Amino acid sequence: MIIVMSPSATKENLEKVIKKVESAGLRTHISEGEEVTIVGVIGDKKKIANLEMNMMEGVEKTVRITEKYKLVSRNFHPEDTIVDVDGVKVGGKQIVVMAGPCSVESIEQLREAAKAVKAGGAQFLRGGAFKPRTSPYDFQGLAEDGLKMLRQVADEEGLKVVTEIVDKDDLELVGKYADLYQVGARNMQNFQLLKALGKANKPVMLKRGLSATISEWLNAAEYIMAGGNEQVILCERGIRTYETFTRNTLDLSAVAAVKELSHLPIIVDPSHGTGRWQMVKPMARAAVAAGCDGLIIEVHPHPEVALSDGDQSLTPKNFNLLMSELGRIAEVMERTV
C-alpha cells in the first residue's frame, strides 16, 4: 500500500500517519517529492489489508500495490533515483560509461586499457578479478591480486572501479578495492549474496539473470533494498533465447519497462548482450536512444589474445569512435556523455 498525502498536509499529519502504520507492526518508507509526499507501507499483507487510513487528516488517498516488489517500485518513489558512486552520479543527465577488459590479466594490460577508456571519456574502469565461467577449465581470474591492480590503475587514471562479487564471504575483500559492487547474471538470484549486499554501505549494480523476467529482476533488487541499501543500479545484459547468432538477445525494451516500473537507474551491457564486437557499437547507440542511464562496455588493447571474451571486446580505437557517436545521440536526448 502507498498513502498519498494531501499537498496541504502538515508535518503533524504525516507523523500521525507514520505512528498509526508502525503501531500496526508495519514499516514505512517516506518519499518526499516536490509536490507530494508518499508513505510506502511495508510488511505483512494481512496487516496491510486491515489498515484503514483514508479517513485520517492529511491523507488524500491510499493505493493498493499488487507487485511483490515495493521499495523498487516507482509507485513508492515517483521521482528518479540518482545513485552517487563516490562522486559519479548514475541516473542524472550524464550517461555514465564503464569500460575495460572482461578479466584482469596483467598490470600492463590493465594500464593500457585504462588509459584508453579514460581518454575516450569513461568514468569507470571495469574488470573481473573473480570470473564465474561456464567451464571449470576457463580462466577464473586473479582474485585479490587482480583487485589490487584494478585499484592501483584506476587511481592512476582518476577512474572509479566496478568489479564483480561472486560470494557473500568476499564482501569485505571486494569492498576494499571497488567503488561499485557488480552482481553478475549468474548470481542475480543468489539471495544470500543479495541480503549481504543489502547491509553494505556501497552501491550495487545488479545484472539481469540469463533467463530472468523483468519482475524477477526487480524482486532481486528488492532483496538488496529491503536490507537497507538503497543504492542500486540495474543492468540489462541480454537474456537467453532460441537465437544462436548472438551470445544473448539484448532486450532494449527492458530499458523502457524499467523506467515505467521503477525509479532505479538502468545501464546496458551491449558486450554480453551480443557477444560480437561488431554489434556493440550499434546496440550501444540504440541503448542511449532508448533512454538508458549508462553503458558497460568491454575494451581490450589486444582482443585477439584476451583470456576471456575477446570476441565481444572493442579495441581502444573502436571505443573512441563509439564515444564520439554517443555524444551526438545524447545531445538529441538532451543528455551528455
Protein backbone atom coordinates (compact mmCIF):
# COMPACT_ATOMS: atom_id res chain seq x y z
CA MET A 1 0.00 0.00 0.00
CA ILE A 2 1.02 3.59 -0.56
CA ILE A 3 -0.52 6.51 1.28
CA VAL A 4 -0.61 9.72 -0.74
CA MET A 5 -0.57 12.77 1.49
CA SER A 6 -2.53 15.86 0.53
CA PRO A 7 -0.48 18.84 -0.69
CA SER A 8 -1.85 20.75 2.31
CA ALA A 9 -0.89 18.04 4.84
CA THR A 10 1.16 19.25 7.78
CA LYS A 11 4.22 17.69 9.37
CA GLU A 12 1.99 16.70 12.29
CA ASN A 13 -0.43 14.93 9.90
CA LEU A 14 2.46 12.95 8.44
CA GLU A 15 3.80 11.99 11.88
CA LYS A 16 0.38 10.70 12.94
CA VAL A 17 0.10 8.59 9.78
CA ILE A 18 3.55 7.09 10.36
CA LYS A 19 2.73 6.40 14.01
CA LYS A 20 -0.50 4.57 13.11
CA VAL A 21 1.22 2.44 10.47
CA GLU A 22 4.10 1.50 12.76
CA SER A 23 1.76 0.78 15.68
CA ALA A 24 0.16 -1.89 13.44
CA GLY A 25 3.54 -3.65 13.22
CA LEU A 26 4.34 -2.35 9.74
CA ARG A 27 7.25 -0.34 8.32
CA THR A 28 7.12 2.95 6.44
CA HIS A 29 9.16 4.32 3.56
CA ILE A 30 8.83 8.06 3.04
CA SER A 31 9.25 9.62 -0.39
CA GLU A 32 9.06 13.41 -0.38
CA GLY A 33 8.67 14.87 -3.86
CA GLU A 34 8.38 18.48 -4.95
CA GLU A 35 4.59 18.38 -4.97
CA VAL A 36 3.52 15.38 -2.92
CA THR A 37 4.69 13.13 -0.09
CA ILE A 38 4.11 9.38 -0.34
CA VAL A 39 4.21 6.95 2.58
CA GLY A 40 5.03 3.43 1.48
CA VAL A 41 3.71 0.71 3.79
CA ILE A 42 5.77 -2.47 4.01
CA GLY A 43 5.11 -5.67 5.91
CA ASP A 44 2.58 -8.46 6.45
CA LYS A 45 -0.13 -8.44 3.76
CA LYS A 46 -2.90 -9.29 6.22
CA LYS A 47 -1.98 -6.38 8.47
CA ILE A 48 -1.87 -4.03 5.49
CA ALA A 49 -5.29 -5.27 4.33
CA ASN A 50 -6.79 -4.35 7.72
CA LEU A 51 -5.18 -0.91 7.78
CA GLU A 52 -7.69 1.89 7.23
CA MET A 53 -6.03 5.24 6.50
CA ASN A 54 -8.36 7.14 4.16
CA MET A 55 -10.19 8.98 6.95
CA MET A 56 -7.05 10.35 8.58
CA GLU A 57 -6.43 14.07 8.36
CA GLY A 58 -3.92 14.98 5.64
CA VAL A 59 -4.42 11.74 3.67
CA GLU A 60 -5.54 12.29 0.08
CA LYS A 61 -5.86 8.63 -0.91
CA THR A 62 -4.45 5.14 -0.48
CA VAL A 63 -3.40 2.83 -3.31
CA ARG A 64 -3.01 -0.93 -3.07
CA ILE A 65 0.19 -2.22 -4.68
CA THR A 66 -0.09 -5.59 -6.41
CA GLU A 67 3.60 -6.11 -7.25
CA LYS A 68 5.69 -8.09 -4.78
CA TYR A 69 8.48 -5.53 -5.04
CA LYS A 70 7.76 -2.32 -3.14
CA LEU A 71 10.89 -0.27 -2.48
CA VAL A 72 11.98 -0.71 -6.10
CA SER A 73 8.59 0.41 -7.42
CA ARG A 74 8.02 3.83 -8.93
CA ASN A 75 4.72 3.89 -7.03
CA PHE A 76 6.71 4.06 -3.80
CA HIS A 77 9.22 6.57 -5.17
CA PRO A 78 7.81 8.53 -8.15
CA GLU A 79 10.97 10.55 -8.86
CA ASP A 80 14.06 9.05 -10.48
CA THR A 81 16.78 7.90 -8.10
CA ILE A 82 20.31 9.10 -8.70
CA VAL A 83 22.97 6.78 -7.28
CA ASP A 84 26.14 8.57 -6.21
CA VAL A 85 29.19 6.34 -6.66
CA ASP A 86 31.93 8.26 -4.90
CA GLY A 87 31.08 11.46 -6.74
CA VAL A 88 29.95 9.95 -10.06
CA LYS A 89 26.18 10.25 -10.35
CA VAL A 90 24.34 7.45 -12.15
CA GLY A 91 20.82 8.29 -13.22
CA GLY A 92 21.20 12.01 -13.82
CA LYS A 93 21.61 13.97 -17.03
CA GLN A 94 25.01 12.45 -17.84
CA ILE A 95 25.14 8.98 -19.37
CA VAL A 96 27.83 7.17 -17.40
CA VAL A 97 30.27 4.84 -19.18
CA MET A 98 32.05 1.89 -17.58
CA ALA A 99 34.72 0.29 -19.73
CA GLY A 100 37.68 -2.06 -19.58
CA PRO A 101 38.64 -5.68 -20.12
CA CYS A 102 36.47 -8.64 -19.20
CA SER A 103 39.24 -10.02 -16.98
CA VAL A 104 42.25 -8.50 -15.29
CA GLU A 105 45.16 -10.35 -16.88
CA SER A 106 48.22 -8.25 -16.01
CA ILE A 107 49.14 -4.78 -14.81
CA GLU A 108 50.41 -3.89 -18.28
CA GLN A 109 47.18 -4.99 -19.99
CA LEU A 110 45.05 -3.16 -17.45
CA ARG A 111 47.09 0.02 -17.58
CA GLU A 112 46.89 0.17 -21.38
CA ALA A 113 43.12 -0.40 -21.28
CA ALA A 114 42.58 2.18 -18.52
CA LYS A 115 44.47 4.89 -20.37
CA ALA A 116 42.38 4.21 -23.47
CA VAL A 117 38.98 4.27 -21.77
CA LYS A 118 39.88 7.37 -19.76
CA ALA A 119 40.94 9.16 -22.93
CA GLY A 120 37.66 8.11 -24.54
CA GLY A 121 35.59 9.61 -21.73
CA ALA A 122 34.71 6.70 -19.43
CA GLN A 123 34.20 7.34 -15.71
CA PHE A 124 34.66 3.74 -14.51
CA LEU A 125 37.26 1.05 -15.07
CA ARG A 126 35.61 -2.35 -15.29
CA GLY A 127 37.43 -5.66 -14.96
CA GLY A 128 36.87 -9.06 -13.42
CA ALA A 129 39.10 -10.42 -10.66
CA PHE A 130 36.73 -13.29 -9.84
CA LYS A 131 35.31 -14.85 -13.00
CA PRO A 132 32.42 -17.34 -12.79
CA ARG A 133 32.92 -19.23 -16.05
CA THR A 134 30.77 -21.84 -17.79
CA SER A 135 33.71 -24.27 -17.96
CA PRO A 136 35.84 -25.05 -14.89
CA TYR A 137 38.88 -25.11 -17.19
CA ASP A 138 38.50 -21.49 -18.34
CA PHE A 139 40.47 -18.63 -16.79
CA GLN A 140 38.93 -17.91 -13.37
CA GLY A 141 40.58 -14.57 -12.58
CA LEU A 142 43.45 -13.32 -10.41
CA ALA A 143 41.38 -12.84 -7.23
CA GLU A 144 42.85 -10.29 -4.79
CA ASP A 145 45.90 -9.66 -6.96
CA GLY A 146 43.52 -8.58 -9.70
CA LEU A 147 41.60 -6.34 -7.32
CA LYS A 148 44.82 -4.63 -6.24
CA MET A 149 45.72 -3.98 -9.88
CA LEU A 150 42.27 -2.54 -10.57
CA ARG A 151 42.50 -0.12 -7.66
CA GLN A 152 46.06 0.93 -8.47
CA VAL A 153 45.47 1.56 -12.15
CA ALA A 154 42.08 3.23 -11.62
CA ASP A 155 43.65 5.63 -9.13
CA GLU A 156 46.44 6.42 -11.59
CA GLU A 157 43.88 7.41 -14.23
CA GLY A 158 41.27 9.01 -11.95
CA LEU A 159 38.65 6.32 -12.61
CA LYS A 160 36.19 4.54 -10.34
CA VAL A 161 36.26 0.73 -10.03
CA VAL A 162 33.37 -1.61 -10.80
CA THR A 163 34.04 -5.32 -10.39
CA GLU A 164 32.08 -8.49 -9.76
CA ILE A 165 31.45 -10.09 -6.40
CA VAL A 166 30.52 -13.77 -6.55
CA ASP A 167 30.46 -14.85 -2.89
CA LYS A 168 28.98 -13.16 0.18
CA ASP A 169 32.13 -14.10 2.11
CA ASP A 170 34.12 -11.81 -0.22
CA LEU A 171 32.07 -8.73 0.64
CA GLU A 172 34.74 -7.07 2.75
CA LEU A 173 37.59 -8.10 0.43
CA VAL A 174 35.98 -6.74 -2.75
CA GLY A 175 34.73 -3.69 -0.89
CA LYS A 176 38.31 -2.71 -0.02
CA TYR A 177 39.07 -2.11 -3.68
CA ALA A 178 35.78 -1.47 -5.51
CA ASP A 179 33.64 1.66 -5.65
CA LEU A 180 30.70 -0.28 -7.08
CA TYR A 181 29.84 -3.94 -6.48
CA GLN A 182 28.69 -5.83 -9.58
CA VAL A 183 26.35 -8.79 -9.22
CA GLY A 184 26.66 -10.91 -12.34
CA ALA A 185 23.82 -12.57 -14.23
CA ARG A 186 24.51 -15.98 -12.69
CA ASN A 187 24.15 -14.53 -9.19
CA MET A 188 21.02 -12.44 -9.71
CA GLN A 189 19.05 -14.85 -7.54
CA ASN A 190 21.83 -15.69 -5.10
CA PHE A 191 19.66 -14.44 -2.29
CA GLN A 192 22.25 -14.85 0.47
CA LEU A 193 24.61 -12.63 -1.52
CA LEU A 194 21.84 -10.10 -2.16
CA LYS A 195 20.95 -9.98 1.53
CA ALA A 196 24.60 -9.41 2.44
CA LEU A 197 24.82 -6.57 -0.10
CA GLY A 198 21.69 -5.09 1.47
CA LYS A 199 23.77 -4.42 4.57
CA ALA A 200 26.72 -2.98 2.65
CA ASN A 201 27.43 0.74 2.65
CA LYS A 202 28.39 0.77 -1.03
CA PRO A 203 26.38 0.93 -4.28
CA VAL A 204 25.45 -2.26 -6.15
CA MET A 205 24.95 -2.87 -9.86
CA LEU A 206 22.58 -5.81 -10.38
CA LYS A 207 22.72 -7.55 -13.75
CA ARG A 208 19.63 -9.26 -15.13
CA GLY A 209 19.73 -13.06 -14.96
CA LEU A 210 20.23 -15.22 -18.04
CA SER A 211 16.54 -16.12 -18.28
CA ALA A 212 15.00 -13.72 -15.77
CA THR A 213 11.77 -11.85 -16.32
CA ILE A 214 11.73 -8.15 -15.53
CA SER A 215 9.60 -8.89 -12.46
CA GLU A 216 12.13 -11.44 -11.15
CA TRP A 217 14.93 -8.96 -11.75
CA LEU A 218 13.14 -6.19 -9.85
CA ASN A 219 12.35 -8.57 -7.00
CA ALA A 220 16.06 -9.43 -6.79
CA ALA A 221 16.78 -5.70 -6.44
CA GLU A 222 14.14 -5.59 -3.70
CA TYR A 223 16.24 -8.03 -1.65
CA ILE A 224 19.09 -5.53 -1.61
CA MET A 225 16.90 -2.53 -0.83
CA ALA A 226 14.94 -4.40 1.84
CA GLY A 227 18.23 -4.90 3.67
CA GLY A 228 18.71 -1.15 3.87
CA ASN A 229 20.94 -0.45 0.87
CA GLU A 230 19.01 1.82 -1.49
CA GLN A 231 22.00 2.47 -3.78
CA VAL A 232 21.03 0.02 -6.53
CA ILE A 233 21.67 0.26 -10.27
CA LEU A 234 20.08 -2.19 -12.70
CA CYS A 235 21.93 -3.59 -15.72
CA GLU A 236 20.34 -5.15 -18.80
CA ARG A 237 22.89 -7.57 -20.32
CA GLY A 238 20.81 -9.69 -22.64
CA ILE A 239 18.75 -12.79 -21.98
CA ARG A 240 18.87 -16.33 -23.33
CA THR A 241 16.51 -17.03 -26.23
CA TYR A 242 16.40 -19.50 -29.11
CA GLU A 243 18.68 -17.23 -31.18
CA THR A 244 22.21 -18.58 -31.71
CA PHE A 245 23.78 -15.89 -33.91
CA THR A 246 24.31 -13.66 -30.88
CA ARG A 247 25.57 -14.70 -27.46
CA ASN A 248 22.36 -13.39 -25.89
CA THR A 249 19.37 -11.35 -27.03
CA LEU A 250 19.79 -7.78 -25.85
CA ASP A 251 16.40 -6.65 -24.57
CA LEU A 252 16.34 -2.89 -25.02
CA SER A 253 12.62 -2.86 -24.30
CA ALA A 254 13.69 -3.58 -20.72
CA VAL A 255 15.02 -0.01 -20.52
CA ALA A 256 11.59 1.43 -21.22
CA ALA A 257 9.91 -1.13 -18.94
CA VAL A 258 12.21 -0.36 -16.01
CA LYS A 259 11.70 3.38 -16.48
CA GLU A 260 7.96 2.80 -16.17
CA LEU A 261 8.02 0.32 -13.29
CA SER A 262 10.93 1.53 -11.19
CA HIS A 263 12.76 4.66 -10.10
CA LEU A 264 16.18 2.96 -10.18
CA PRO A 265 18.76 3.88 -12.85
CA ILE A 266 19.46 1.33 -15.58
CA ILE A 267 22.57 0.78 -17.64
CA VAL A 268 23.04 -1.51 -20.65
CA ASP A 269 25.78 -4.04 -21.46
CA PRO A 270 25.94 -4.41 -25.25
CA SER A 271 29.08 -6.56 -25.00
CA HIS A 272 27.49 -9.53 -23.22
CA GLY A 273 24.18 -8.66 -24.84
CA THR A 274 25.52 -9.55 -28.29
CA GLY A 275 28.84 -11.36 -27.86
CA ARG A 276 30.11 -9.79 -31.11
CA TRP A 277 32.26 -6.68 -31.14
CA GLN A 278 30.79 -5.61 -34.48
CA MET A 279 27.36 -5.32 -32.83
CA VAL A 280 28.47 -3.49 -29.70
CA LYS A 281 28.53 -0.04 -31.29
CA PRO A 282 25.06 -0.11 -32.91
CA MET A 283 23.48 -1.61 -29.78
CA ALA A 284 25.18 0.96 -27.54
CA ARG A 285 23.83 3.74 -29.76
CA ALA A 286 20.35 2.21 -29.60
CA ALA A 287 20.56 1.88 -25.80
CA VAL A 288 21.26 5.59 -25.42
CA ALA A 289 18.36 6.40 -27.74
CA ALA A 290 16.15 4.10 -25.64
CA GLY A 291 16.89 6.17 -22.54
CA CYS A 292 19.47 4.19 -20.58
CA ASP A 293 21.48 5.92 -17.84
CA GLY A 294 24.79 4.33 -18.74
CA LEU A 295 26.74 1.67 -20.59
CA ILE A 296 29.21 -1.00 -19.53
CA ILE A 297 31.48 -1.97 -22.41
CA GLU A 298 34.34 -4.41 -22.74
CA VAL A 299 37.52 -2.82 -24.11
CA HIS A 300 40.78 -4.71 -24.52
CA PRO A 301 44.01 -3.34 -26.03
CA HIS A 302 44.58 -6.66 -27.84
CA PRO A 303 41.28 -8.59 -28.09
CA GLU A 304 42.83 -11.32 -30.22
CA VAL A 305 44.87 -12.57 -27.23
CA ALA A 306 42.34 -11.87 -24.47
CA LEU A 307 41.94 -14.64 -21.88
CA SER A 308 38.17 -14.14 -21.88
CA ASP A 309 35.53 -12.56 -24.14
CA GLY A 310 37.90 -11.23 -26.80
CA ASP A 311 35.21 -11.69 -29.46
CA GLN A 312 33.00 -9.06 -27.84
CA SER A 313 35.70 -6.57 -26.84
CA LEU A 314 36.28 -3.28 -28.61
CA THR A 315 39.76 -2.04 -29.39
CA PRO A 316 40.66 1.40 -27.97
CA LYS A 317 40.24 2.86 -31.46
CA ASN A 318 36.71 1.48 -31.85
CA PHE A 319 35.83 2.61 -28.33
CA ASN A 320 36.86 6.18 -29.15
CA LEU A 321 34.77 6.11 -32.32
CA LEU A 322 31.77 4.88 -30.36
CA MET A 323 32.11 7.57 -27.71
CA SER A 324 32.06 10.31 -30.36
CA GLU A 325 28.90 8.80 -31.84
CA LEU A 326 27.21 8.52 -28.45
CA GLY A 327 27.78 12.19 -27.75
CA ARG A 328 25.73 13.17 -30.77
CA ILE A 329 22.87 10.84 -29.84
CA ALA A 330 22.92 12.00 -26.21
CA GLU A 331 22.57 15.60 -27.35
CA VAL A 332 19.34 14.74 -29.16
CA MET A 333 18.12 13.12 -25.91
CA GLU A 334 19.05 16.32 -24.01
CA ARG A 335 21.75 14.44 -22.13
CA THR A 336 25.54 14.28 -22.12
CA VAL A 337 28.17 11.51 -22.24
